[in-house]
Amino acid sequence: MSDANPGTHRERADGSDSPAQVTGAEWWRHAVIYQIYPRSFADGNGDGIGDLRGIIDHLDYIDSLGVDGIWLGPVMSSPQADHGYDVADYRDIDPIFGTLADMDDLIAACHQRGLKITLDFVPNHTSEAHPWFQAALAAGPGSPERDRYLFRPGRGEHGELPPNNWRSVFGGPSWTRVIESDGTPGEWYYHLFAPEQPDLNWRNPDVLPEFSDVLRFWLRRGIDGFRIDVSDAPMKDPGFPDTADEQPLIPKDEASGVHDIYRAFRTVFDSFDGDRMAVVETGAPAEIVALFLRPDEMNLAFNFSFTRSPWDADAIRDAITSALAANDAVGAPTTWVTDNHDMPRSVSRYGTSLRLVGEYVPALDQQAEVDVALGIRRHRAMALLMCALPGTVYLYNGQELGLPNVDDLPEAVLQDPVWERSGHTERGRDGCRVPMPWSGDEPPYGFSTNRQTWLPMPQGWGHYTVENEDADAESMLMLYRRALSLRAIHPGLGRGAIRWLEAADAVLALEVASELEPVVVVVNTGGTPAPLPAEIPVGITILSSDPTVPTGSNVVEIPADATVWLRRP
């Protein structure tokens, strides 16, 4: 079928045509999505690495959380230079994780439980093992095959210098020189990330049709949506000028063509039934991010303001208001996220200070000791704030257990390419990717039957296991379950407009509108108890992040580092 007129027909998951269906569901506007880092969730075959069968075996647990769907990290065929973000075959599953049949089983098992399933999609670059790149190396300078990537001659008398001064996000130069077929040093190719991840030339006419067809391949199998990796990066300044900060020039305006890519993707999504969607990853300012969310482009964009915000009432309020204002301007919902596979876990961030090493490579301040107990209190408080706000919530596996970052992994086991590319000055993101603890008191805590897991699991994590927290009424896991259960049934939570209330210093107070019963959300970021807003001198607790404030109790003040959902008396 043609995608030229998606309003006439929609393509079913089985590939057949059907009359257009306008569901209007827009399930993604208020969904709670559970991010699974496949290597680290559950190992189904005993090799120490998480896989698709492990996920299938634990879908009942995911369902019990009260989420609406999952986002599955990269599982496509890959040499794993960047743990799957270097894709060699976009239409197959890497054997580490299983087979296409396993993926089909996972899709079916999710849908049987009413869960949506979204995949990671990497359009900015491929693996160096991708057939296109291998063909480019073989074909030589000036060939159509090389034009699919960003090959350039070097500078200097013999081309020995890279084409410009841009630096890789992972550290080191953004250019790698190839050896031509005659054995001589030749052109350079550009890679925003590692050398094993050559960037595509999205101005080449072959690229968009190929990636649109990849999307169709997965949509026909029943995938409900995609997370688009580094979505703002496919277009680079074609002049490749030197820059003062040695960072790549990545234009996002209409003339660059980047928005044409996403309009084309949207046409593909709209040609399928079931309200398929995409969430884009970009570290751009809120007003730039919103440009990707216009009605004919993508559905959602990650809002990283919480991941960069200190534990401070004014900073958190600014993060909320700026994101809502930018997205409201284009009629798009806002996403809320505190944790993912690229960030130190929020328990550790809230228990110390965070520094940013480039846009995508944050790190904890290694000079400061992490106060895990304090981080857990603040994480619990942020969880309730996040679950009350209008829009979509993304949770990262292990977040619901309150896992801290593992910052003392031995150097010998570090696998993130950031470690090597930075000359062993930045430890990278492995600390937030340590496998999930499921049961027992010793590693591997039920994650695998193999004690040798792909990243070692710490001693002392027995109290973080799903088994342990499932039996503790006041655990982080149970708090998330209660919050998501209330969010699912309350007409205002996650959906209502917000109204800010005047509050004391270090206190954030807002009311989430609802025709039936508004919810007052009060967050105390200070170190001592604080009074409720003057407008509401007393409230009745719906849910509290602090277990000392029981449900149904009358409260006049909020404990330190806590959030309480209230209703008016």
Protein backbone atom coordinates (compact mmCIF):
# COMPACT_ATOMS: atom_id res chain seq x y z
CA MET A 1 0.00 0.00 0.00
CA SER A 2 1.01 3.60 -0.35
CA ASP A 3 1.54 5.95 2.58
CA ALA A 4 0.64 8.94 0.42
CA ASN A 5 -2.92 9.10 1.71
CA PRO A 6 -2.96 7.69 5.23
CA GLY A 7 -6.40 9.10 5.88
CA THR A 8 -7.98 6.61 3.45
CA HIS A 9 -6.62 3.31 4.75
CA ARG A 10 -4.72 2.07 7.72
CA GLU A 11 -2.39 -0.89 7.71
CA ARG A 12 -3.16 -3.61 10.20
CA ALA A 13 -0.47 -5.29 12.27
CA ASP A 14 -0.72 -8.34 10.02
CA GLY A 15 0.09 -6.20 6.96
CA SER A 16 -3.42 -6.24 5.47
CA ASP A 17 -5.45 -3.16 4.64
CA SER A 18 -8.54 -2.11 6.55
CA PRO A 19 -10.89 0.88 6.54
CA ALA A 20 -9.62 3.88 8.44
CA GLN A 21 -10.31 3.81 12.17
CA VAL A 22 -10.14 7.00 14.18
CA THR A 23 -9.85 5.73 17.74
CA GLY A 24 -9.02 9.06 19.33
CA ALA A 25 -7.52 7.07 22.20
CA GLU A 26 -4.16 8.84 22.27
CA TRP A 27 -3.15 6.41 24.99
CA TRP A 28 0.32 7.94 25.14
CA ARG A 29 -0.93 11.31 26.47
CA HIS A 30 -1.31 10.08 30.04
CA ALA A 31 0.50 6.74 30.00
CA VAL A 32 3.01 5.37 32.47
CA ILE A 33 5.78 3.61 30.55
CA TYR A 34 8.29 1.24 32.15
CA GLN A 35 11.74 1.37 30.58
CA ILE A 36 13.53 -1.96 30.38
CA TYR A 37 17.28 -2.04 29.84
CA PRO A 38 17.30 -5.56 28.32
CA ARG A 39 20.75 -6.62 29.54
CA SER A 40 19.83 -5.81 33.10
CA PHE A 41 16.21 -6.83 33.65
CA ALA A 42 16.07 -10.64 33.77
CA ASP A 43 18.18 -13.47 32.34
CA GLY A 44 16.12 -16.28 30.86
CA ASN A 45 18.90 -18.56 29.58
CA GLY A 46 21.54 -18.43 32.32
CA ASP A 47 24.33 -16.65 30.46
CA GLY A 48 24.40 -13.72 32.89
CA ILE A 49 22.86 -11.26 30.40
CA GLY A 50 19.22 -10.23 30.42
CA ASP A 51 17.13 -11.27 27.41
CA LEU A 52 13.66 -11.35 25.89
CA ARG A 53 12.68 -14.61 27.56
CA GLY A 54 13.59 -13.14 30.92
CA ILE A 55 11.29 -10.19 30.22
CA ILE A 56 8.43 -12.50 29.19
CA ASP A 57 8.88 -14.45 32.43
CA HIS A 58 8.49 -11.25 34.47
CA LEU A 59 5.65 -9.51 32.65
CA ASP A 60 3.25 -10.27 35.49
CA TYR A 61 5.50 -8.22 37.76
CA ILE A 62 5.47 -5.32 35.32
CA ASP A 63 1.71 -5.58 35.06
CA SER A 64 1.43 -5.50 38.85
CA LEU A 65 3.09 -2.09 38.93
CA GLY A 66 0.10 -0.52 37.21
CA VAL A 67 1.98 0.77 34.17
CA ASP A 68 0.48 1.07 30.70
CA GLY A 69 3.35 -0.22 28.63
CA ILE A 70 7.07 -0.87 28.28
CA TRP A 71 9.91 0.77 26.41
CA LEU A 72 12.42 -1.86 25.42
CA GLY A 73 16.02 -0.75 25.05
CA PRO A 74 17.97 -1.73 21.93
CA VAL A 75 17.70 -5.42 21.04
CA MET A 76 18.36 -5.31 17.30
CA SER A 77 21.34 -7.13 15.82
CA SER A 78 24.52 -5.39 16.96
CA PRO A 79 28.21 -5.97 17.71
CA GLN A 80 27.42 -4.30 21.08
CA ALA A 81 30.14 -1.66 20.93
CA ASP A 82 27.64 0.64 22.63
CA HIS A 83 25.33 -2.06 24.01
CA GLY A 84 22.98 -2.12 21.07
CA TYR A 85 23.01 1.52 20.00
CA ASP A 86 25.28 0.41 17.15
CA VAL A 87 22.83 -1.48 14.93
CA ALA A 88 24.06 -3.86 12.24
CA ASP A 89 20.64 -5.20 11.18
CA TYR A 90 17.52 -3.20 11.96
CA ARG A 91 15.22 -6.09 11.06
CA ASP A 92 16.57 -8.79 13.35
CA ILE A 93 17.12 -9.47 17.05
CA ASP A 94 20.62 -9.87 18.41
CA PRO A 95 21.26 -13.49 19.53
CA ILE A 96 22.30 -12.17 22.95
CA PHE A 97 18.66 -11.30 23.53
CA GLY A 98 16.91 -14.05 21.57
CA THR A 99 15.19 -14.34 18.22
CA LEU A 100 12.46 -12.69 16.18
CA ALA A 101 10.16 -15.46 17.40
CA ASP A 102 10.95 -14.44 20.99
CA MET A 103 10.11 -10.85 20.10
CA ASP A 104 6.81 -11.93 18.58
CA ASP A 105 6.05 -13.84 21.78
CA LEU A 106 6.89 -10.77 23.86
CA ILE A 107 4.65 -8.53 21.77
CA ALA A 108 1.78 -11.01 22.08
CA ALA A 109 2.32 -11.45 25.83
CA CYS A 110 2.31 -7.70 26.37
CA HIS A 111 -0.87 -7.23 24.37
CA GLN A 112 -2.58 -10.07 26.24
CA ARG A 113 -2.05 -8.06 29.42
CA GLY A 114 -3.15 -4.79 27.85
CA LEU A 115 0.41 -3.45 27.84
CA LYS A 116 1.77 -1.38 24.97
CA ILE A 117 5.29 -2.14 23.76
CA THR A 118 7.70 0.42 22.29
CA LEU A 119 11.18 -0.13 20.87
CA ASP A 120 14.38 1.85 20.76
CA PHE A 121 15.02 3.16 17.24
CA VAL A 122 18.44 4.51 16.25
CA PRO A 123 18.33 6.59 13.03
CA ASN A 124 21.33 8.88 13.56
CA HIS A 125 24.00 6.24 12.99
CA THR A 126 24.53 2.58 12.26
CA SER A 127 27.12 0.07 13.35
CA GLU A 128 30.35 -0.09 11.39
CA ALA A 129 29.26 -3.69 10.74
CA HIS A 130 26.11 -2.57 8.91
CA PRO A 131 26.14 -3.72 5.24
CA TRP A 132 25.84 -0.13 4.07
CA PHE A 133 29.00 0.92 5.88
CA GLN A 134 30.93 -2.11 4.75
CA ALA A 135 29.87 -1.31 1.19
CA ALA A 136 30.99 2.29 1.69
CA LEU A 137 34.44 1.18 2.79
CA ALA A 138 34.77 -1.13 -0.20
CA ALA A 139 33.44 1.35 -2.78
CA GLY A 140 35.89 4.16 -2.13
CA PRO A 141 35.80 7.97 -2.24
CA GLY A 142 33.10 9.67 -4.30
CA SER A 143 30.92 6.56 -4.52
CA PRO A 144 27.15 6.48 -3.96
CA GLU A 145 27.76 4.01 -1.15
CA ARG A 146 29.98 6.48 0.72
CA ASP A 147 27.44 9.24 0.27
CA ARG A 148 25.10 7.41 2.66
CA TYR A 149 27.52 8.38 5.43
CA LEU A 150 29.54 11.50 6.22
CA PHE A 151 32.90 10.86 4.61
CA ARG A 152 35.20 13.83 4.05
CA PRO A 153 38.82 14.33 2.95
CA GLY A 154 41.19 15.32 5.71
CA ARG A 155 42.98 18.60 6.12
CA GLY A 156 46.72 19.12 5.97
CA GLU A 157 49.20 18.47 3.18
CA HIS A 158 48.38 14.76 2.99
CA GLY A 159 44.91 14.74 4.52
CA GLU A 160 46.39 13.65 7.82
CA LEU A 161 44.27 16.02 9.92
CA PRO A 162 40.55 15.51 10.63
CA PRO A 163 38.10 17.64 8.61
CA ASN A 164 37.25 19.83 11.62
CA ASN A 165 37.68 20.11 15.37
CA TRP A 166 34.41 18.55 16.50
CA ARG A 167 34.58 16.21 19.48
CA SER A 168 32.65 13.04 20.16
CA VAL A 169 30.00 12.98 22.89
CA PHE A 170 31.90 9.98 24.27
CA GLY A 171 35.21 11.84 24.31
CA GLY A 172 37.98 12.13 21.74
CA PRO A 173 37.64 13.31 18.13
CA SER A 174 34.46 12.84 16.07
CA TRP A 175 36.42 11.65 13.03
CA THR A 176 38.13 8.38 12.17
CA ARG A 177 40.36 7.87 9.15
CA VAL A 178 39.93 4.78 7.01
CA ILE A 179 42.47 2.68 5.21
CA GLU A 180 41.48 2.46 1.57
CA SER A 181 41.44 -0.76 -0.46
CA ASP A 182 44.95 -0.07 -1.74
CA GLY A 183 46.28 0.05 1.81
CA THR A 184 46.82 3.80 2.00
CA PRO A 185 45.26 6.19 4.55
CA GLY A 186 42.20 7.76 3.01
CA GLU A 187 39.09 9.71 3.92
CA TRP A 188 37.66 10.40 7.34
CA TYR A 189 34.13 9.54 8.49
CA TYR A 190 32.12 11.36 11.13
CA HIS A 191 30.71 9.77 14.30
CA LEU A 192 28.91 11.75 16.97
CA PHE A 193 29.51 8.86 19.36
CA ALA A 194 32.07 6.03 19.08
CA PRO A 195 34.06 5.16 15.92
CA GLU A 196 32.00 1.96 15.71
CA GLN A 197 28.92 4.18 15.19
CA PRO A 198 29.30 6.05 11.88
CA ASP A 199 26.70 8.78 11.33
CA LEU A 200 24.36 8.54 8.38
CA ASN A 201 23.96 11.26 5.77
CA TRP A 202 20.27 12.06 6.02
CA ARG A 203 20.50 14.26 2.93
CA ASN A 204 21.14 11.13 0.87
CA PRO A 205 17.93 9.97 -0.89
CA ASP A 206 18.43 6.32 0.15
CA VAL A 207 18.26 6.91 3.89
CA LEU A 208 14.70 8.04 4.62
CA PRO A 209 13.01 5.29 2.53
CA GLU A 210 15.15 2.64 4.22
CA PHE A 211 14.35 3.77 7.75
CA SER A 212 10.68 4.28 6.96
CA ASP A 213 10.61 0.67 5.80
CA VAL A 214 12.32 -0.43 9.03
CA LEU A 215 9.54 1.28 10.98
CA ARG A 216 6.93 -0.55 8.90
CA PHE A 217 8.70 -3.86 9.56
CA TRP A 218 8.24 -3.48 13.31
CA LEU A 219 4.81 -1.88 13.17
CA ARG A 220 3.53 -4.86 11.17
CA ARG A 221 4.76 -7.12 13.96
CA GLY A 222 2.58 -5.19 16.40
CA ILE A 223 5.01 -2.70 17.95
CA ASP A 224 3.03 0.23 19.38
CA GLY A 225 5.69 2.89 19.18
CA PHE A 226 9.33 3.92 19.27
CA ARG A 227 11.78 5.90 21.31
CA ILE A 228 13.90 7.76 18.77
CA ASP A 229 17.51 7.98 19.89
CA VAL A 230 19.27 11.39 19.66
CA SER A 231 16.44 12.56 17.45
CA ASP A 232 17.75 16.08 16.92
CA ALA A 233 21.11 14.96 15.57
CA PRO A 234 20.59 13.46 12.07
CA MET A 235 21.24 16.76 10.29
CA LYS A 236 24.67 18.34 10.70
CA ASP A 237 25.87 21.64 9.29
CA PRO A 238 26.96 20.56 5.78
CA GLY A 239 29.90 22.97 5.87
CA PHE A 240 31.42 21.17 8.87
CA PRO A 241 33.01 24.36 10.22
CA ASP A 242 35.32 24.44 13.22
CA THR A 243 33.49 25.55 16.36
CA ALA A 244 34.84 27.41 19.36
CA ASP A 245 33.61 24.75 21.78
CA GLU A 246 34.57 21.84 19.51
CA GLN A 247 30.94 20.69 19.53
CA PRO A 248 29.05 19.67 16.38
CA LEU A 249 26.67 22.11 14.76
CA ILE A 250 23.31 20.34 14.67
CA PRO A 251 20.68 22.65 13.14
CA LYS A 252 17.07 22.02 14.12
CA ASP A 253 15.31 24.69 12.07
CA GLU A 254 12.93 24.00 9.20
CA ALA A 255 15.58 24.56 6.53
CA SER A 256 17.79 21.82 7.95
CA GLY A 257 15.32 19.12 6.95
CA VAL A 258 15.23 17.47 10.37
CA HIS A 259 11.52 18.16 10.76
CA ASP A 260 10.83 16.71 7.32
CA ILE A 261 12.24 13.41 8.61
CA TYR A 262 9.75 13.29 11.45
CA ARG A 263 6.83 14.35 9.29
CA ALA A 264 7.66 11.40 7.07
CA PHE A 265 7.87 9.09 10.09
CA ARG A 266 4.52 10.40 11.33
CA THR A 267 2.96 9.53 7.98
CA VAL A 268 4.18 5.96 8.47
CA PHE A 269 2.74 5.78 12.00
CA ASP A 270 -0.60 7.21 10.90
CA SER A 271 -0.89 4.59 8.15
CA PHE A 272 -1.26 1.89 10.83
CA ASP A 273 -4.14 1.22 13.15
CA GLY A 274 -3.84 1.32 16.93
CA ASP A 275 -2.62 4.90 17.46
CA ARG A 276 1.11 4.19 17.04
CA MET A 277 3.45 6.77 18.53
CA ALA A 278 7.01 7.97 18.98
CA VAL A 279 8.87 9.75 21.77
CA VAL A 280 11.96 11.70 20.76
CA GLU A 281 15.15 12.07 22.75
CA THR A 282 16.74 15.49 22.53
CA GLY A 283 18.71 17.56 24.98
CA ALA A 284 17.63 20.82 23.33
CA PRO A 285 15.88 23.65 25.23
CA ALA A 286 12.15 23.23 25.84
CA GLU A 287 11.09 25.63 23.10
CA ILE A 288 13.18 23.73 20.53
CA VAL A 289 11.94 20.35 21.77
CA ALA A 290 8.35 21.53 21.26
CA LEU A 291 9.01 21.98 17.54
CA PHE A 292 9.24 18.19 17.23
CA LEU A 293 5.76 17.87 18.76
CA ARG A 294 3.64 19.83 16.34
CA PRO A 295 0.50 18.00 15.18
CA ASP A 296 2.15 16.55 12.06
CA GLU A 297 5.37 15.42 13.78
CA MET A 298 6.08 13.26 16.83
CA ASN A 299 3.83 12.55 19.81
CA LEU A 300 6.11 12.93 22.82
CA ALA A 301 9.56 14.19 23.72
CA PHE A 302 11.56 13.37 26.80
CA ASN A 303 11.67 16.27 29.22
CA PHE A 304 15.02 15.98 30.98
CA SER A 305 14.53 18.98 33.26
CA PHE A 306 13.98 16.78 36.33
CA THR A 307 17.17 14.83 35.66
CA ARG A 308 19.15 18.07 35.73
CA SER A 309 17.25 19.81 38.53
CA PRO A 310 18.69 20.03 42.03
CA TRP A 311 16.51 19.19 45.02
CA ASP A 312 15.17 22.73 45.28
CA ALA A 313 11.56 23.94 45.20
CA ASP A 314 12.18 26.89 42.89
CA ALA A 315 14.24 24.85 40.44
CA ILE A 316 11.65 22.07 40.32
CA ARG A 317 8.82 24.57 39.80
CA ASP A 318 10.76 26.24 36.97
CA ALA A 319 11.32 22.84 35.34
CA ILE A 320 7.59 22.11 35.46
CA THR A 321 6.35 25.49 34.24
CA SER A 322 8.82 25.79 31.36
CA ALA A 323 8.06 22.29 30.07
CA LEU A 324 4.30 22.73 30.30
CA ALA A 325 4.37 26.15 28.63
CA ALA A 326 6.48 24.97 25.69
CA ASN A 327 4.39 21.85 25.06
CA ASP A 328 1.05 23.55 25.62
CA ALA A 329 1.95 25.95 22.82
CA VAL A 330 1.85 23.06 20.32
CA GLY A 331 -0.91 21.04 22.00
CA ALA A 332 1.43 18.26 23.13
CA PRO A 333 1.59 16.47 26.48
CA THR A 334 4.70 16.69 28.63
CA THR A 335 6.74 13.71 29.79
CA TRP A 336 8.16 13.39 33.30
CA VAL A 337 11.29 11.36 33.95
CA THR A 338 13.88 11.24 36.72
CA ASP A 339 15.86 8.11 35.78
CA ASN A 340 17.08 6.32 32.68
CA HIS A 341 19.98 4.27 31.36
CA ASP A 342 22.11 7.37 30.68
CA MET A 343 21.84 9.08 34.07
CA PRO A 344 23.13 8.29 37.56
CA ARG A 345 20.16 6.92 39.48
CA SER A 346 18.14 9.60 41.23
CA VAL A 347 18.53 8.05 44.68
CA SER A 348 22.23 8.83 44.41
CA ARG A 349 21.70 12.17 42.67
CA TYR A 350 19.36 13.35 45.40
CA GLY A 351 21.78 12.09 48.03
CA THR A 352 24.68 14.15 46.71
CA SER A 353 25.44 16.62 43.93
CA LEU A 354 25.37 16.05 40.18
CA ARG A 355 27.70 17.42 37.56
CA LEU A 356 27.20 17.24 33.82
CA VAL A 357 29.99 16.07 31.57
CA GLY A 358 28.57 17.03 28.20
CA GLU A 359 24.96 16.77 27.15
CA TYR A 360 24.50 13.02 27.46
CA VAL A 361 27.19 11.99 29.91
CA PRO A 362 26.32 13.09 33.44
CA ALA A 363 28.27 11.95 36.46
CA LEU A 364 27.99 12.11 40.20
CA ASP A 365 30.38 14.38 42.01
CA GLN A 366 32.98 11.87 43.09
CA GLN A 367 34.22 14.22 45.81
CA ALA A 368 30.91 14.01 47.69
CA GLU A 369 29.71 11.02 49.70
CA VAL A 370 26.25 9.76 48.77
CA ASP A 371 23.70 9.82 51.58
CA VAL A 372 21.52 6.95 50.34
CA ALA A 373 18.89 7.31 53.08
CA LEU A 374 18.43 10.99 52.20
CA GLY A 375 18.35 10.13 48.51
CA ILE A 376 15.62 7.55 49.09
CA ARG A 377 13.46 10.06 51.01
CA ARG A 378 13.78 12.58 48.20
CA HIS A 379 13.24 9.96 45.51
CA ARG A 380 10.00 8.91 47.22
CA ALA A 381 8.89 12.53 47.34
CA MET A 382 9.71 13.14 43.67
CA ALA A 383 7.87 9.96 42.68
CA LEU A 384 4.61 11.33 44.08
CA LEU A 385 5.09 14.73 42.47
CA MET A 386 5.88 13.16 39.11
CA CYS A 387 2.91 10.79 39.20
CA ALA A 388 0.51 13.67 39.92
CA LEU A 389 1.58 15.96 37.07
CA PRO A 390 -0.38 16.05 33.79
CA GLY A 391 1.26 14.07 31.02
CA THR A 392 3.23 10.86 30.54
CA VAL A 393 5.52 9.26 33.12
CA TYR A 394 8.56 7.16 32.26
CA LEU A 395 10.02 4.84 34.91
CA TYR A 396 13.36 3.04 34.60
CA ASN A 397 13.67 -0.57 35.76
CA GLY A 398 14.89 -0.62 39.35
CA GLN A 399 13.69 2.92 40.01
CA GLU A 400 10.61 1.46 41.67
CA LEU A 401 12.92 -0.40 44.08
CA GLY A 402 14.91 2.70 44.99
CA LEU A 403 18.18 1.31 43.62
CA PRO A 404 21.18 3.60 44.09
CA ASN A 405 23.89 4.10 41.51
CA VAL A 406 26.77 1.62 41.81
CA ASP A 407 29.77 3.92 41.79
CA ASP A 408 32.42 1.47 42.98
CA LEU A 409 32.39 -1.01 40.11
CA PRO A 410 35.95 -2.26 39.57
CA GLU A 411 37.64 -0.53 36.65
CA ALA A 412 38.30 -3.91 35.05
CA VAL A 413 34.56 -4.54 34.54
CA LEU A 414 33.58 -1.13 33.13
CA GLN A 415 32.07 -1.49 29.65
CA ASP A 416 30.65 1.90 28.70
CA PRO A 417 32.66 3.29 25.76
CA VAL A 418 32.86 6.58 27.67
CA TRP A 419 35.45 4.96 29.96
CA GLU A 420 37.91 4.23 27.18
CA ARG A 421 37.14 7.30 25.04
CA SER A 422 37.72 9.63 27.99
CA GLY A 423 41.12 8.14 28.71
CA HIS A 424 39.79 6.56 31.90
CA THR A 425 38.79 9.92 33.37
CA GLU A 426 35.00 9.37 33.21
CA ARG A 427 33.52 6.10 34.46
CA GLY A 428 30.50 6.38 32.18
CA ARG A 429 27.01 5.00 32.70
CA ASP A 430 27.58 1.44 33.91
CA GLY A 431 26.66 2.40 37.47
CA CYS A 432 22.98 2.86 36.56
CA ARG A 433 22.86 -0.31 34.44
CA VAL A 434 23.65 -2.96 37.06
CA PRO A 435 21.12 -5.84 36.86
CA MET A 436 17.81 -5.92 38.74
CA PRO A 437 17.71 -7.78 42.08
CA TRP A 438 14.72 -10.11 42.26
CA SER A 439 15.15 -12.39 45.28
CA GLY A 440 17.55 -13.76 47.87
CA ASP A 441 20.36 -12.23 49.89
CA GLU A 442 23.36 -12.84 47.64
CA PRO A 443 24.29 -11.94 44.06
CA PRO A 444 22.87 -12.52 41.51
CA TYR A 445 19.63 -12.07 43.50
CA GLY A 446 17.50 -14.15 41.17
CA PHE A 447 18.46 -12.14 38.09
CA SER A 448 20.23 -15.17 36.62
CA THR A 449 21.23 -18.71 37.46
CA ASN A 450 24.77 -17.62 36.59
CA ARG A 451 26.72 -15.84 39.34
CA GLN A 452 28.82 -14.11 36.68
CA THR A 453 26.46 -11.39 35.50
CA TRP A 454 27.45 -8.99 32.71
CA LEU A 455 28.04 -6.31 35.34
CA PRO A 456 28.69 -7.51 38.89
CA MET A 457 25.94 -6.99 41.45
CA PRO A 458 26.85 -5.54 44.84
CA GLN A 459 26.76 -7.30 48.16
CA GLY A 460 24.10 -5.93 50.48
CA TRP A 461 21.30 -5.54 47.94
CA GLY A 462 19.06 -8.14 49.58
CA HIS A 463 16.78 -5.44 51.00
CA TYR A 464 16.29 -3.97 47.50
CA THR A 465 14.96 -7.19 45.94
CA VAL A 466 11.46 -7.38 44.54
CA GLU A 467 10.83 -10.30 46.91
CA ASN A 468 11.77 -8.26 49.97
CA GLU A 469 10.00 -5.05 48.96
CA ASP A 470 6.88 -6.94 47.94
CA ALA A 471 6.54 -8.07 51.57
CA ASP A 472 7.14 -4.60 53.05
CA ALA A 473 4.04 -2.38 53.09
CA GLU A 474 6.17 0.78 53.34
CA SER A 475 8.73 -0.09 50.68
CA MET A 476 9.49 2.01 47.62
CA LEU A 477 7.88 -0.66 45.44
CA MET A 478 4.62 -0.50 47.37
CA LEU A 479 4.63 3.32 47.25
CA TYR A 480 4.88 3.22 43.46
CA ARG A 481 2.11 0.64 43.24
CA ARG A 482 -0.21 2.74 45.41
CA ALA A 483 0.61 5.92 43.51
CA LEU A 484 0.05 4.37 40.10
CA SER A 485 -3.15 2.67 41.25
CA LEU A 486 -4.57 6.00 42.43
CA ARG A 487 -3.37 7.74 39.27
CA ALA A 488 -5.21 5.19 37.14
CA ILE A 489 -8.58 5.73 38.83
CA HIS A 490 -8.49 9.39 39.85
CA PRO A 491 -9.78 11.73 37.12
CA GLY A 492 -7.33 14.50 37.98
CA LEU A 493 -4.02 12.77 38.65
CA GLY A 494 -1.92 12.76 35.50
CA ARG A 495 -4.65 14.57 33.56
CA GLY A 496 -5.86 17.73 35.26
CA ALA A 497 -4.57 21.24 34.75
CA ILE A 498 -2.45 22.57 37.60
CA ARG A 499 -2.82 25.71 39.69
CA TRP A 500 0.09 26.92 41.78
CA LEU A 501 -0.49 27.78 45.43
CA GLU A 502 1.48 30.24 47.52
CA ALA A 503 3.71 28.36 49.91
CA ALA A 504 6.59 28.82 52.33
CA ASP A 505 10.22 28.83 51.25
CA ALA A 506 11.46 25.40 50.13
CA VAL A 507 7.85 24.26 49.61
CA LEU A 508 6.23 23.51 46.26
CA ALA A 509 2.43 23.47 46.30
CA LEU A 510 -0.04 22.96 43.48
CA GLU A 511 -3.58 21.82 42.91
CA VAL A 512 -4.38 19.31 40.20
CA ALA A 513 -7.79 20.15 38.79
CA SER A 514 -10.60 17.62 38.57
CA GLU A 515 -14.34 18.02 38.09
CA LEU A 516 -14.95 15.65 41.00
CA GLU A 517 -12.14 16.20 43.47
CA PRO A 518 -9.01 18.30 43.05
CA VAL A 519 -5.79 16.96 44.53
CA VAL A 520 -3.45 19.25 46.42
CA VAL A 521 0.20 18.23 46.03
CA VAL A 522 2.66 19.68 48.54
CA VAL A 523 6.40 19.02 48.31
CA ASN A 524 8.74 20.07 51.10
CA THR A 525 12.32 20.22 49.82
CA GLY A 526 13.57 21.66 53.10
CA GLY A 527 15.24 19.91 56.00
CA THR A 528 12.54 20.69 58.58
CA PRO A 529 8.74 20.29 58.63
CA ALA A 530 6.85 23.03 56.82
CA PRO A 531 3.26 24.32 57.05
CA LEU A 532 0.64 23.75 54.37
CA PRO A 533 -0.17 26.68 52.07
CA ALA A 534 -2.19 29.40 53.80
CA GLU A 535 -5.06 28.72 51.41
CA ILE A 536 -5.33 25.19 52.84
CA PRO A 537 -4.47 25.27 56.55
CA VAL A 538 -5.44 21.62 56.94
CA GLY A 539 -5.76 18.73 54.52
CA ILE A 540 -6.72 15.06 54.51
CA THR A 541 -4.00 12.71 53.32
CA ILE A 542 -4.61 10.70 50.16
CA LEU A 543 -1.05 9.39 49.97
CA SER A 544 2.26 10.41 51.51
CA SER A 545 5.86 9.64 50.60
CA ASP A 546 6.62 9.70 54.34
CA PRO A 547 5.19 6.62 56.10
CA THR A 548 4.70 8.61 59.32
CA VAL A 549 1.80 10.44 57.63
CA PRO A 550 -0.95 7.79 57.31
CA THR A 551 -3.64 7.84 54.66
CA GLY A 552 -6.81 9.58 55.86
CA SER A 553 -5.05 11.61 58.55
CA ASN A 554 -5.48 15.35 58.97
CA VAL A 555 -2.23 17.21 58.39
CA VAL A 556 -1.18 20.81 58.97
CA GLU A 557 2.47 20.43 58.04
CA ILE A 558 4.62 18.39 55.67
CA PRO A 559 7.67 16.44 56.92
CA ALA A 560 11.12 17.30 55.59
CA ASP A 561 11.96 15.95 52.13
CA ALA A 562 8.45 14.63 51.58
CA THR A 563 5.44 14.93 49.29
CA VAL A 564 1.82 14.54 50.36
CA TRP A 565 -1.28 14.24 48.20
CA LEU A 566 -4.18 15.91 49.98
CA ARG A 567 -7.85 16.62 49.60
CA ARG A 568 -9.58 19.54 51.17
CA PRO A 569 -11.61 18.80 54.34
